């Protein structure tokens, strides 16, 4: 029940950035990787969202769990932030920046990807 509540709160706190949903937790929680992945999946159910990104702390790392419906290659986005994965499921883990800094870097990468697509 606790994990469900945490996931629901992350979804409620999500912000839309164009066609992307982004949510952040700074709270340490048990099974955070699972909760982040499930939250990213849940966010894809929002109309107009092509990709979702959940930022969270794990130990001393700032992490992102990313999901896509296939219209956006989240692997490419995560690779630009030092991570990797698959076209529709990807992640990154950084120990050289804060959650806030990683969120800023993510938005810069997403904006650049959007600009490239509109060329």
PDB file of N, CA and C in Angstrom:
ATOM      1  N   UNK A   1       0.821  -1.194   0.000  1.00  0.00           N
ATOM      2  CA  UNK A   1       0.000   0.000   0.000  1.00  0.00           C
ATOM      3  C   UNK A   1       0.864   1.256   0.000  1.00  0.00           C
ATOM      4  N   UNK A   2       1.970   1.213   0.732  1.00  0.00           N
ATOM      5  CA  UNK A   2       2.868   2.369   0.789  1.00  0.00           C
ATOM      6  C   UNK A   2       3.442   2.678  -0.596  1.00  0.00           C
ATOM      7  N   UNK A   3       3.874   1.652  -1.305  1.00  0.00           N
ATOM      8  CA  UNK A   3       4.436   1.855  -2.646  1.00  0.00           C
ATOM      9  C   UNK A   3       3.389   2.428  -3.593  1.00  0.00           C
ATOM     10  N   UNK A   4       2.155   1.968  -3.486  1.00  0.00           N
ATOM     11  CA  UNK A   4       1.073   2.488  -4.332  1.00  0.00           C
ATOM     12  C   UNK A   4       0.843   3.973  -4.047  1.00  0.00           C
ATOM     13  N   UNK A   5       0.850   4.330  -2.779  1.00  0.00           N
ATOM     14  CA  UNK A   5       0.665   5.744  -2.418  1.00  0.00           C
ATOM     15  C   UNK A   5       1.809   6.605  -2.946  1.00  0.00           C
ATOM     16  N   UNK A   6       3.026   6.091  -2.816  1.00  0.00           N
ATOM     17  CA  UNK A   6       4.181   6.843  -3.310  1.00  0.00           C
ATOM     18  C   UNK A   6       4.096   7.016  -4.824  1.00  0.00           C
ATOM     19  N   UNK A   7       3.732   5.970  -5.529  1.00  0.00           N
ATOM     20  CA  UNK A   7       3.593   6.042  -6.982  1.00  0.00           C
ATOM     21  C   UNK A   7       2.494   7.031  -7.369  1.00  0.00           C
ATOM     22  N   UNK A   8       1.379   6.964  -6.661  1.00  0.00           N
ATOM     23  CA  UNK A   8       0.274   7.891  -6.943  1.00  0.00           C
ATOM     24  C   UNK A   8       0.689   9.336  -6.725  1.00  0.00           C
ATOM     25  N   UNK A   9       1.475   9.583  -5.670  1.00  0.00           N
ATOM     26  CA  UNK A   9       1.946  10.942  -5.405  1.00  0.00           C
ATOM     27  C   UNK A   9       2.891  11.418  -6.499  1.00  0.00           C
ATOM     28  N   UNK A  10       3.760  10.548  -6.968  1.00  0.00           N
ATOM     29  CA  UNK A  10       4.672  10.903  -8.060  1.00  0.00           C
ATOM     30  C   UNK A  10       3.897  11.258  -9.325  1.00  0.00           C
ATOM     31  N   UNK A  11       2.856  10.495  -9.623  1.00  0.00           N
ATOM     32  CA  UNK A  11       2.025  10.800 -10.793  1.00  0.00           C
ATOM     33  C   UNK A  11       1.342  12.153 -10.590  1.00  0.00           C
ATOM     34  N   UNK A  12       0.792  12.385  -9.407  1.00  0.00           N
ATOM     35  CA  UNK A  12       0.101  13.650  -9.123  1.00  0.00           C
ATOM     36  C   UNK A  12       1.049  14.845  -9.216  1.00  0.00           C
ATOM     37  N   UNK A  13       2.318  14.643  -8.869  1.00  0.00           N
ATOM     38  CA  UNK A  13       3.303  15.728  -8.891  1.00  0.00           C
ATOM     39  C   UNK A  13       3.934  15.957 -10.266  1.00  0.00           C
ATOM     40  N   UNK A  14       3.616  15.111 -11.223  1.00  0.00           N
ATOM     41  CA  UNK A  14       4.246  15.203 -12.550  1.00  0.00           C
ATOM     42  C   UNK A  14       3.923  16.532 -13.225  1.00  0.00           C
ATOM     43  N   UNK A  15       4.891  16.986 -13.999  1.00  0.00           N
ATOM     44  CA  UNK A  15       4.724  18.193 -14.806  1.00  0.00           C
ATOM     45  C   UNK A  15       4.839  17.800 -16.269  1.00  0.00           C
ATOM     46  N   UNK A  16       4.076  18.475 -17.094  1.00  0.00           N
ATOM     47  CA  UNK A  16       4.193  18.254 -18.531  1.00  0.00           C
ATOM     48  C   UNK A  16       5.182  19.258 -19.103  1.00  0.00           C
ATOM     49  N   UNK A  17       6.077  18.754 -19.903  1.00  0.00           N
ATOM     50  CA  UNK A  17       7.047  19.579 -20.620  1.00  0.00           C
ATOM     51  C   UNK A  17       6.865  19.208 -22.085  1.00  0.00           C
ATOM     52  N   UNK A  18       5.978  19.940 -22.755  1.00  0.00           N
ATOM     53  CA  UNK A  18       5.615  19.557 -24.117  1.00  0.00           C
ATOM     54  C   UNK A  18       4.938  18.198 -24.089  1.00  0.00           C
ATOM     55  N   UNK A  19       5.475  17.259 -24.843  1.00  0.00           N
ATOM     56  CA  UNK A  19       4.891  15.918 -24.913  1.00  0.00           C
ATOM     57  C   UNK A  19       5.542  14.938 -23.942  1.00  0.00           C
ATOM     58  N   UNK A  20       6.228  15.498 -22.945  1.00  0.00           N
ATOM     59  CA  UNK A  20       6.932  14.678 -21.963  1.00  0.00           C
ATOM     60  C   UNK A  20       6.377  14.924 -20.565  1.00  0.00           C
ATOM     61  N   UNK A  21       6.247  13.848 -19.796  1.00  0.00           N
ATOM     62  CA  UNK A  21       5.862  13.954 -18.391  1.00  0.00           C
ATOM     63  C   UNK A  21       7.117  13.734 -17.550  1.00  0.00           C
ATOM     64  N   UNK A  22       7.343  14.633 -16.601  1.00  0.00           N
ATOM     65  CA  UNK A  22       8.523  14.563 -15.743  1.00  0.00           C
ATOM     66  C   UNK A  22       8.067  14.689 -14.291  1.00  0.00           C
ATOM     67  N   UNK A  23       8.540  13.771 -13.467  1.00  0.00           N
ATOM     68  CA  UNK A  23       8.251  13.863 -12.036  1.00  0.00           C
ATOM     69  C   UNK A  23       9.526  13.565 -11.258  1.00  0.00           C
ATOM     70  N   UNK A  24       9.595  14.154 -10.079  1.00  0.00           N
ATOM     71  CA  UNK A  24      10.817  14.065  -9.279  1.00  0.00           C
ATOM     72  C   UNK A  24      10.451  13.722  -7.843  1.00  0.00           C
ATOM     73  N   UNK A  25      11.216  12.820  -7.260  1.00  0.00           N
ATOM     74  CA  UNK A  25      11.149  12.611  -5.820  1.00  0.00           C
ATOM     75  C   UNK A  25      12.537  12.784  -5.248  1.00  0.00           C
ATOM     76  N   UNK A  26      12.605  13.456  -4.132  1.00  0.00           N
ATOM     77  CA  UNK A  26      13.873  13.590  -3.415  1.00  0.00           C
ATOM     78  C   UNK A  26      13.857  12.703  -2.175  1.00  0.00           C
ATOM     79  N   UNK A  27      12.696  12.085  -1.954  1.00  0.00           N
ATOM     80  CA  UNK A  27      12.483  11.222  -0.800  1.00  0.00           C
ATOM     81  C   UNK A  27      13.141   9.857  -1.015  1.00  0.00           C
ATOM     82  N   UNK A  28      13.822   9.383   0.000  1.00  0.00           N
ATOM     83  CA  UNK A  28      14.368   8.033  -0.059  1.00  0.00           C
ATOM     84  C   UNK A  28      13.218   7.077   0.223  1.00  0.00           C
ATOM     85  N   UNK A  29      13.096   6.045  -0.601  1.00  0.00           N
ATOM     86  CA  UNK A  29      12.031   5.078  -0.394  1.00  0.00           C
ATOM     87  C   UNK A  29      12.503   3.678  -0.738  1.00  0.00           C
ATOM     88  N   UNK A  30      11.905   2.711  -0.069  1.00  0.00           N
ATOM     89  CA  UNK A  30      12.227   1.323  -0.358  1.00  0.00           C
ATOM     90  C   UNK A  30      11.771   0.985  -1.769  1.00  0.00           C
ATOM     91  N   UNK A  31      12.527   0.142  -2.450  1.00  0.00           N
ATOM     92  CA  UNK A  31      12.163  -0.323  -3.793  1.00  0.00           C
ATOM     93  C   UNK A  31      11.960   0.833  -4.774  1.00  0.00           C
ATOM     94  N   UNK A  32      12.758   1.872  -4.629  1.00  0.00           N
ATOM     95  CA  UNK A  32      12.582   3.079  -5.432  1.00  0.00           C
ATOM     96  C   UNK A  32      12.702   2.795  -6.928  1.00  0.00           C
ATOM     97  N   UNK A  33      13.581   1.888  -7.325  1.00  0.00           N
ATOM     98  CA  UNK A  33      13.708   1.589  -8.754  1.00  0.00           C
ATOM     99  C   UNK A  33      12.413   1.022  -9.317  1.00  0.00           C
ATOM    100  N   UNK A  34      11.784   0.144  -8.578  1.00  0.00           N
ATOM    101  CA  UNK A  34      10.517  -0.459  -9.024  1.00  0.00           C
ATOM    102  C   UNK A  34       9.423   0.591  -9.064  1.00  0.00           C
ATOM    103  N   UNK A  35       9.344   1.405  -8.015  1.00  0.00           N
ATOM    104  CA  UNK A  35       8.326   2.460  -7.971  1.00  0.00           C
ATOM    105  C   UNK A  35       8.528   3.448  -9.110  1.00  0.00           C
ATOM    106  N   UNK A  36       9.761   3.815  -9.383  1.00  0.00           N
ATOM    107  CA  UNK A  36      10.049   4.757 -10.474  1.00  0.00           C
ATOM    108  C   UNK A  36       9.646   4.163 -11.825  1.00  0.00           C
ATOM    109  N   UNK A  37       9.972   2.908 -12.052  1.00  0.00           N
ATOM    110  CA  UNK A  37       9.619   2.268 -13.328  1.00  0.00           C
ATOM    111  C   UNK A  37       8.102   2.185 -13.485  1.00  0.00           C
ATOM    112  N   UNK A  38       7.405   1.813 -12.428  1.00  0.00           N
ATOM    113  CA  UNK A  38       5.946   1.720 -12.494  1.00  0.00           C
ATOM    114  C   UNK A  38       5.320   3.091 -12.705  1.00  0.00           C
ATOM    115  N   UNK A  39       5.877   4.099 -12.062  1.00  0.00           N
ATOM    116  CA  UNK A  39       5.378   5.463 -12.238  1.00  0.00           C
ATOM    117  C   UNK A  39       5.578   5.922 -13.677  1.00  0.00           C
ATOM    118  N   UNK A  40       6.756   5.638 -14.229  1.00  0.00           N
ATOM    119  CA  UNK A  40       7.022   6.015 -15.626  1.00  0.00           C
ATOM    120  C   UNK A  40       6.018   5.344 -16.554  1.00  0.00           C
ATOM    121  N   UNK A  41       5.705   4.080 -16.297  1.00  0.00           N
ATOM    122  CA  UNK A  41       4.691   3.381 -17.095  1.00  0.00           C
ATOM    123  C   UNK A  41       3.324   4.054 -16.942  1.00  0.00           C
ATOM    124  N   UNK A  42       2.952   4.380 -15.703  1.00  0.00           N
ATOM    125  CA  UNK A  42       1.658   5.028 -15.449  1.00  0.00           C
ATOM    126  C   UNK A  42       1.529   6.351 -16.188  1.00  0.00           C
ATOM    127  N   UNK A  43       2.608   7.128 -16.214  1.00  0.00           N
ATOM    128  CA  UNK A  43       2.566   8.444 -16.858  1.00  0.00           C
ATOM    129  C   UNK A  43       2.319   8.352 -18.363  1.00  0.00           C
ATOM    130  N   UNK A  44       2.660   7.232 -18.959  1.00  0.00           N
ATOM    131  CA  UNK A  44       2.407   7.065 -20.399  1.00  0.00           C
ATOM    132  C   UNK A  44       0.919   6.990 -20.713  1.00  0.00           C
ATOM    133  N   UNK A  45       0.100   6.761 -19.701  1.00  0.00           N
ATOM    134  CA  UNK A  45      -1.343   6.709 -19.899  1.00  0.00           C
ATOM    135  C   UNK A  45      -1.997   8.070 -20.002  1.00  0.00           C
ATOM    136  N   UNK A  46      -1.242   9.127 -19.793  1.00  0.00           N
ATOM    137  CA  UNK A  46      -1.786  10.486 -19.895  1.00  0.00           C
ATOM    138  C   UNK A  46      -1.832  10.892 -21.358  1.00  0.00           C
ATOM    139  N   UNK A  47      -2.964  11.380 -21.773  1.00  0.00           N
ATOM    140  CA  UNK A  47      -3.142  11.787 -23.171  1.00  0.00           C
ATOM    141  C   UNK A  47      -2.116  12.851 -23.557  1.00  0.00           C
ATOM    142  N   UNK A  48      -1.470  12.643 -24.688  1.00  0.00           N
ATOM    143  CA  UNK A  48      -0.490  13.594 -25.201  1.00  0.00           C
ATOM    144  C   UNK A  48       0.928  13.351 -24.731  1.00  0.00           C
ATOM    145  N   UNK A  49       1.127  12.388 -23.836  1.00  0.00           N
ATOM    146  CA  UNK A  49       2.471  12.096 -23.320  1.00  0.00           C
ATOM    147  C   UNK A  49       3.094  10.995 -24.174  1.00  0.00           C
ATOM    148  N   UNK A  50       4.218  11.321 -24.807  1.00  0.00           N
ATOM    149  CA  UNK A  50       4.942  10.353 -25.640  1.00  0.00           C
ATOM    150  C   UNK A  50       6.078   9.676 -24.892  1.00  0.00           C
ATOM    151  N   UNK A  51       6.567  10.318 -23.829  1.00  0.00           N
ATOM    152  CA  UNK A  51       7.654   9.734 -23.043  1.00  0.00           C
ATOM    153  C   UNK A  51       7.553  10.278 -21.623  1.00  0.00           C
ATOM    154  N   UNK A  52       8.019   9.467 -20.681  1.00  0.00           N
ATOM    155  CA  UNK A  52       7.957   9.879 -19.282  1.00  0.00           C
ATOM    156  C   UNK A  52       9.305   9.658 -18.618  1.00  0.00           C
ATOM    157  N   UNK A  53       9.574  10.501 -17.623  1.00  0.00           N
ATOM    158  CA  UNK A  53      10.856  10.482 -16.929  1.00  0.00           C
ATOM    159  C   UNK A  53      10.614  10.667 -15.439  1.00  0.00           C
ATOM    160  N   UNK A  54      11.109   9.720 -14.655  1.00  0.00           N
ATOM    161  CA  UNK A  54      10.980   9.782 -13.201  1.00  0.00           C
ATOM    162  C   UNK A  54      12.380   9.914 -12.620  1.00  0.00           C
ATOM    163  N   UNK A  55      12.634  11.008 -11.929  1.00  0.00           N
ATOM    164  CA  UNK A  55      13.937  11.245 -11.308  1.00  0.00           C
ATOM    165  C   UNK A  55      13.845  10.927  -9.829  1.00  0.00           C
ATOM    166  N   UNK A  56      14.880  10.250  -9.323  1.00  0.00           N
ATOM    167  CA  UNK A  56      14.855   9.820  -7.927  1.00  0.00           C
ATOM    168  C   UNK A  56      16.274   9.594  -7.414  1.00  0.00           C
ATOM    169  N   UNK A  57      16.446   9.691  -6.091  1.00  0.00           N
ATOM    170  CA  UNK A  57      17.750   9.385  -5.502  1.00  0.00           C
ATOM    171  C   UNK A  57      17.852   7.894  -5.183  1.00  0.00           C
ATOM    172  N   UNK A  58      19.049   7.369  -5.357  1.00  0.00           N
ATOM    173  CA  UNK A  58      19.330   5.989  -4.921  1.00  0.00           C
ATOM    174  C   UNK A  58      20.743   5.993  -4.364  1.00  0.00           C
ATOM    175  N   UNK A  59      20.839   5.865  -3.063  1.00  0.00           N
ATOM    176  CA  UNK A  59      22.140   6.002  -2.418  1.00  0.00           C
ATOM    177  C   UNK A  59      22.663   7.408  -2.657  1.00  0.00           C
ATOM    178  N   UNK A  60      23.858   7.495  -3.195  1.00  0.00           N
ATOM    179  CA  UNK A  60      24.469   8.790  -3.503  1.00  0.00           C
ATOM    180  C   UNK A  60      24.274   9.190  -4.963  1.00  0.00           C
ATOM    181  N   UNK A  61      23.405   8.490  -5.669  1.00  0.00           N
ATOM    182  CA  UNK A  61      23.205   8.751  -7.088  1.00  0.00           C
ATOM    183  C   UNK A  61      21.894   9.469  -7.363  1.00  0.00           C
ATOM    184  N   UNK A  62      21.895  10.245  -8.440  1.00  0.00           N
ATOM    185  CA  UNK A  62      20.685  10.828  -9.002  1.00  0.00           C
ATOM    186  C   UNK A  62      20.346   9.970 -10.212  1.00  0.00           C
ATOM    187  N   UNK A  63      19.118   9.491 -10.270  1.00  0.00           N
ATOM    188  CA  UNK A  63      18.744   8.513 -11.302  1.00  0.00           C
ATOM    189  C   UNK A  63      17.511   8.966 -12.071  1.00  0.00           C
ATOM    190  N   UNK A  64      17.366   8.401 -13.271  1.00  0.00           N
ATOM    191  CA  UNK A  64      16.172   8.614 -14.099  1.00  0.00           C
ATOM    192  C   UNK A  64      15.718   7.268 -14.622  1.00  0.00           C
ATOM    193  N   UNK A  65      14.410   7.037 -14.528  1.00  0.00           N
ATOM    194  CA  UNK A  65      13.776   5.910 -15.199  1.00  0.00           C
ATOM    195  C   UNK A  65      12.944   6.514 -16.323  1.00  0.00           C
ATOM    196  N   UNK A  66      13.165   6.059 -17.546  1.00  0.00           N
ATOM    197  CA  UNK A  66      12.504   6.646 -18.716  1.00  0.00           C
ATOM    198  C   UNK A  66      11.700   5.589 -19.461  1.00  0.00           C
ATOM    199  N   UNK A  67      10.534   5.987 -19.956  1.00  0.00           N
ATOM    200  CA  UNK A  67       9.684   5.100 -20.740  1.00  0.00           C
ATOM    201  C   UNK A  67       9.131   5.874 -21.922  1.00  0.00           C
ATOM    202  N   UNK A  68       8.804   5.122 -22.971  1.00  0.00           N
ATOM    203  CA  UNK A  68       8.258   5.728 -24.178  1.00  0.00           C
ATOM    204  C   UNK A  68       7.227   4.802 -24.798  1.00  0.00           C
ATOM    205  N   UNK A  69       6.334   5.383 -25.553  1.00  0.00           N
ATOM    206  CA  UNK A  69       5.365   4.601 -26.318  1.00  0.00           C
ATOM    207  C   UNK A  69       5.933   4.191 -27.674  1.00  0.00           C
ATOM    208  N   UNK A  70       7.157   4.613 -27.966  1.00  0.00           N
ATOM    209  CA  UNK A  70       7.798   4.274 -29.229  1.00  0.00           C
ATOM    210  C   UNK A  70       7.974   5.454 -30.165  1.00  0.00           C
ATOM    211  N   UNK A  71       7.278   6.548 -29.920  1.00  0.00           N
ATOM    212  CA  UNK A  71       7.426   7.734 -30.769  1.00  0.00           C
ATOM    213  C   UNK A  71       8.682   8.519 -30.433  1.00  0.00           C
ATOM    214  N   UNK A  72       9.256   8.227 -29.262  1.00  0.00           N
ATOM    215  CA  UNK A  72      10.487   8.883 -28.833  1.00  0.00           C
ATOM    216  C   UNK A  72      11.442   7.784 -28.387  1.00  0.00           C
ATOM    217  N   UNK A  73      12.674   7.877 -28.812  1.00  0.00           N
ATOM    218  CA  UNK A  73      13.680   6.886 -28.434  1.00  0.00           C
ATOM    219  C   UNK A  73      14.341   7.350 -27.136  1.00  0.00           C
ATOM    220  N   UNK A  74      13.872   6.798 -26.009  1.00  0.00           N
ATOM    221  CA  UNK A  74      14.413   7.235 -24.723  1.00  0.00           C
ATOM    222  C   UNK A  74      15.836   6.732 -24.489  1.00  0.00           C
ATOM    223  N   UNK A  75      16.240   5.704 -25.212  1.00  0.00           N
ATOM    224  CA  UNK A  75      17.624   5.233 -25.098  1.00  0.00           C
ATOM    225  C   UNK A  75      18.583   6.343 -25.520  1.00  0.00           C
ATOM    226  N   UNK A  76      18.284   7.009 -26.616  1.00  0.00           N
ATOM    227  CA  UNK A  76      19.129   8.092 -27.111  1.00  0.00           C
ATOM    228  C   UNK A  76      19.187   9.232 -26.087  1.00  0.00           C
ATOM    229  N   UNK A  77      18.057   9.539 -25.480  1.00  0.00           N
ATOM    230  CA  UNK A  77      18.014  10.608 -24.474  1.00  0.00           C
ATOM    231  C   UNK A  77      18.876  10.224 -23.273  1.00  0.00           C
ATOM    232  N   UNK A  78      18.706   9.007 -22.782  1.00  0.00           N
ATOM    233  CA  UNK A  78      19.471   8.559 -21.613  1.00  0.00           C
ATOM    234  C   UNK A  78      20.962   8.442 -21.925  1.00  0.00           C
ATOM    235  N   UNK A  79      21.312   8.043 -23.130  1.00  0.00           N
ATOM    236  CA  UNK A  79      22.729   7.969 -23.504  1.00  0.00           C
ATOM    237  C   UNK A  79      23.389   9.340 -23.426  1.00  0.00           C
ATOM    238  N   UNK A  80      22.648  10.378 -23.792  1.00  0.00           N
ATOM    239  CA  UNK A  80      23.196  11.736 -23.717  1.00  0.00           C
ATOM    240  C   UNK A  80      23.421  12.185 -22.273  1.00  0.00           C
ATOM    241  N   UNK A  81      22.791  11.486 -21.344  1.00  0.00           N
ATOM    242  CA  UNK A  81      22.947  11.804 -19.921  1.00  0.00           C
ATOM    243  C   UNK A  81      23.810  10.776 -19.204  1.00  0.00           C
ATOM    244  N   UNK A  82      24.467   9.906 -19.973  1.00  0.00           N
ATOM    245  CA  UNK A  82      25.382   8.937 -19.389  1.00  0.00           C
ATOM    246  C   UNK A  82      24.780   7.577 -19.100  1.00  0.00           C
ATOM    247  N   UNK A  83      23.559   7.337 -19.547  1.00  0.00           N
ATOM    248  CA  UNK A  83      22.886   6.061 -19.299  1.00  0.00           C
ATOM    249  C   UNK A  83      22.703   5.268 -20.571  1.00  0.00           C
ATOM    250  N   UNK A  84      21.655   4.492 -20.609  1.00  0.00           N
ATOM    251  CA  UNK A  84      21.375   3.678 -21.781  1.00  0.00           C
ATOM    252  C   UNK A  84      20.105   2.891 -21.593  1.00  0.00           C
ATOM    253  N   UNK A  85      19.941   1.867 -22.413  1.00  0.00           N
ATOM    254  CA  UNK A  85      18.754   1.033 -22.310  1.00  0.00           C
ATOM    255  C   UNK A  85      18.254   0.593 -23.656  1.00  0.00           C
ATOM    256  N   UNK A  86      16.968   0.756 -23.842  1.00  0.00           N
ATOM    257  CA  UNK A  86      16.265   0.313 -25.038  1.00  0.00           C
ATOM    258  C   UNK A  86      15.420   1.476 -25.531  1.00  0.00           C
ATOM    259  N   UNK A  87      14.954   1.390 -26.762  1.00  0.00           N
ATOM    260  CA  UNK A  87      14.190   2.481 -27.361  1.00  0.00           C
ATOM    261  C   UNK A  87      12.993   2.907 -26.508  1.00  0.00           C
ATOM    262  N   UNK A  88      12.325   1.939 -25.864  1.00  0.00           N
ATOM    263  CA  UNK A  88      11.126   2.296 -25.094  1.00  0.00           C
ATOM    264  C   UNK A  88      11.327   2.235 -23.579  1.00  0.00           C
ATOM    265  N   UNK A  89      12.474   1.704 -23.111  1.00  0.00           N
ATOM    266  CA  UNK A  89      12.774   1.648 -21.677  1.00  0.00           C
ATOM    267  C   UNK A  89      14.258   1.923 -21.477  1.00  0.00           C
ATOM    268  N   UNK A  90      14.567   2.954 -20.710  1.00  0.00           N
ATOM    269  CA  UNK A  90      15.973   3.309 -20.509  1.00  0.00           C
ATOM    270  C   UNK A  90      16.135   3.977 -19.150  1.00  0.00           C
ATOM    271  N   UNK A  91      17.389   4.170 -18.764  1.00  0.00           N
ATOM    272  CA  UNK A  91      17.664   4.779 -17.461  1.00  0.00           C
ATOM    273  C   UNK A  91      19.055   5.384 -17.445  1.00  0.00           C
ATOM    274  N   UNK A  92      19.282   6.183 -16.429  1.00  0.00           N
ATOM    275  CA  UNK A  92      20.626   6.694 -16.173  1.00  0.00           C
ATOM    276  C   UNK A  92      20.815   6.824 -14.672  1.00  0.00           C
ATOM    277  N   UNK A  93      22.068   6.708 -14.256  1.00  0.00           N
ATOM    278  CA  UNK A  93      22.449   6.873 -12.856  1.00  0.00           C
ATOM    279  C   UNK A  93      23.699   7.731 -12.832  1.00  0.00           C
ATOM    280  N   UNK A  94      23.636   8.825 -12.093  1.00  0.00           N
ATOM    281  CA  UNK A  94      24.771   9.745 -12.038  1.00  0.00           C
ATOM    282  C   UNK A  94      25.152   9.994 -10.592  1.00  0.00           C
ATOM    283  N   UNK A  95      26.439  10.009 -10.323  1.00  0.00           N
ATOM    284  CA  UNK A  95      26.900  10.344  -8.975  1.00  0.00           C
ATOM    285  C   UNK A  95      27.621  11.688  -8.962  1.00  0.00           C
ATOM    286  N   UNK A  96      27.618  12.380 -10.098  1.00  0.00           N
ATOM    287  CA  UNK A  96      28.332  13.644 -10.209  1.00  0.00           C
ATOM    288  C   UNK A  96      27.427  14.868 -10.219  1.00  0.00           C
ATOM    289  N   UNK A  97      26.135  14.682  -9.905  1.00  0.00           N
ATOM    290  CA  UNK A  97      25.216  15.811  -9.911  1.00  0.00           C
ATOM    291  C   UNK A  97      24.039  15.525  -8.982  1.00  0.00           C
ATOM    292  N   UNK A  98      23.296  16.560  -8.688  1.00  0.00           N
ATOM    293  CA  UNK A  98      22.109  16.432  -7.841  1.00  0.00           C
ATOM    294  C   UNK A  98      20.892  16.102  -8.713  1.00  0.00           C
ATOM    295  N   UNK A  99      19.817  15.764  -8.062  1.00  0.00           N
ATOM    296  CA  UNK A  99      18.548  15.525  -8.765  1.00  0.00           C
ATOM    297  C   UNK A  99      18.143  16.785  -9.538  1.00  0.00           C
ATOM    298  N   UNK A 100      18.264  17.936  -8.908  1.00  0.00           N
ATOM    299  CA  UNK A 100      17.892  19.205  -9.544  1.00  0.00           C
ATOM    300  C   UNK A 100      18.744  19.458 -10.785  1.00  0.00           C
ATOM    301  N   UNK A 101      20.037  19.238 -10.671  1.00  0.00           N
ATOM    302  CA  UNK A 101      20.933  19.428 -11.818  1.00  0.00           C
ATOM    303  C   UNK A 101      20.615  18.431 -12.932  1.00  0.00           C
ATOM    304  N   UNK A 102      20.324  17.192 -12.560  1.00  0.00           N
ATOM    305  CA  UNK A 102      20.000  16.186 -13.559  1.00  0.00           C
ATOM    306  C   UNK A 102      18.689  16.520 -14.264  1.00  0.00           C
ATOM    307  N   UNK A 103      17.734  17.053 -13.525  1.00  0.00           N
ATOM    308  CA  UNK A 103      16.466  17.475 -14.150  1.00  0.00           C
ATOM    309  C   UNK A 103      16.717  18.586 -15.177  1.00  0.00           C
ATOM    310  N   UNK A 104      17.556  19.533 -14.825  1.00  0.00           N
ATOM    311  CA  UNK A 104      17.897  20.620 -15.755  1.00  0.00           C
ATOM    312  C   UNK A 104      18.569  20.063 -17.010  1.00  0.00           C
ATOM    313  N   UNK A 105      19.500  19.134 -16.822  1.00  0.00           N
ATOM    314  CA  UNK A 105      20.181  18.521 -17.976  1.00  0.00           C
ATOM    315  C   UNK A 105      19.187  17.751 -18.842  1.00  0.00           C
ATOM    316  N   UNK A 106      18.262  17.031 -18.213  1.00  0.00           N
ATOM    317  CA  UNK A 106      17.246  16.282 -18.956  1.00  0.00           C
ATOM    318  C   UNK A 106      16.413  17.222 -19.822  1.00  0.00           C
ATOM    319  N   UNK A 107      15.954  18.310 -19.251  1.00  0.00           N
ATOM    320  CA  UNK A 107      15.129  19.265 -20.006  1.00  0.00           C
ATOM    321  C   UNK A 107      15.917  19.854 -21.166  1.00  0.00           C
ATOM    322  N   UNK A 108      17.183  20.148 -20.968  1.00  0.00           N
ATOM    323  CA  UNK A 108      18.014  20.662 -22.067  1.00  0.00           C
ATOM    324  C   UNK A 108      18.122  19.634 -23.198  1.00  0.00           C
ATOM    325  N   UNK A 109      18.313  18.375 -22.850  1.00  0.00           N
ATOM    326  CA  UNK A 109      18.406  17.313 -23.867  1.00  0.00           C
ATOM    327  C   UNK A 109      17.062  17.149 -24.584  1.00  0.00           C
ATOM    328  N   UNK A 110      15.966  17.189 -23.838  1.00  0.00           N
ATOM    329  CA  UNK A 110      14.651  17.054 -24.454  1.00  0.00           C
ATOM    330  C   UNK A 110      14.352  18.225 -25.384  1.00  0.00           C
ATOM    331  N   UNK A 111      14.683  19.431 -24.951  1.00  0.00           N
ATOM    332  CA  UNK A 111      14.482  20.614 -25.808  1.00  0.00           C
ATOM    333  C   UNK A 111      15.310  20.513 -27.086  1.00  0.00           C
ATOM    334  N   UNK A 112      16.534  20.058 -26.969  1.00  0.00           N
ATOM    335  CA  UNK A 112      17.393  19.894 -28.148  1.00  0.00           C
ATOM    336  C   UNK A 112      16.836  18.816 -29.088  1.00  0.00           C
ATOM    337  N   UNK A 113      16.324  17.737 -28.528  1.00  0.00           N
ATOM    338  CA  UNK A 113      15.722  16.678 -29.344  1.00  0.00           C
ATOM    339  C   UNK A 113      14.495  17.185 -30.077  1.00  0.00           C
ATOM    340  N   UNK A 114      13.684  17.967 -29.392  1.00  0.00           N
ATOM    341  CA  UNK A 114      12.493  18.551 -30.007  1.00  0.00           C
ATOM    342  C   UNK A 114      12.880  19.495 -31.142  1.00  0.00           C
ATOM    343  N   UNK A 115      13.885  20.326 -30.905  1.00  0.00           N
ATOM    344  CA  UNK A 115      14.342  21.273 -31.929  1.00  0.00           C
ATOM    345  C   UNK A 115      14.863  20.519 -33.152  1.00  0.00           C
ATOM    346  N   UNK A 116      15.567  19.430 -32.924  1.00  0.00           N
ATOM    347  CA  UNK A 116      16.109  18.624 -34.023  1.00  0.00           C
ATOM    348  C   UNK A 116      14.992  17.996 -34.842  1.00  0.00           C
ATOM    349  N   UNK A 117      13.937  17.543 -34.171  1.00  0.00           N
ATOM    350  CA  UNK A 117      12.811  16.911 -34.865  1.00  0.00           C
ATOM    351  C   UNK A 117      12.041  17.890 -35.733  1.00  0.00           C
ATOM    352  N   UNK A 118      12.005  19.156 -35.333  1.00  0.00           N
ATOM    353  CA  UNK A 118      11.232  20.150 -36.077  1.00  0.00           C
ATOM    354  C   UNK A 118      11.983  20.767 -37.248  1.00  0.00           C
ATOM    355  N   UNK A 119      13.250  20.370 -37.396  1.00  0.00           N
ATOM    356  CA  UNK A 119      14.040  20.892 -38.524  1.00  0.00           C
ATOM    357  C   UNK A 119      13.575  20.287 -39.817  1.00  0.00           C
TER     358      UNK A 119
END
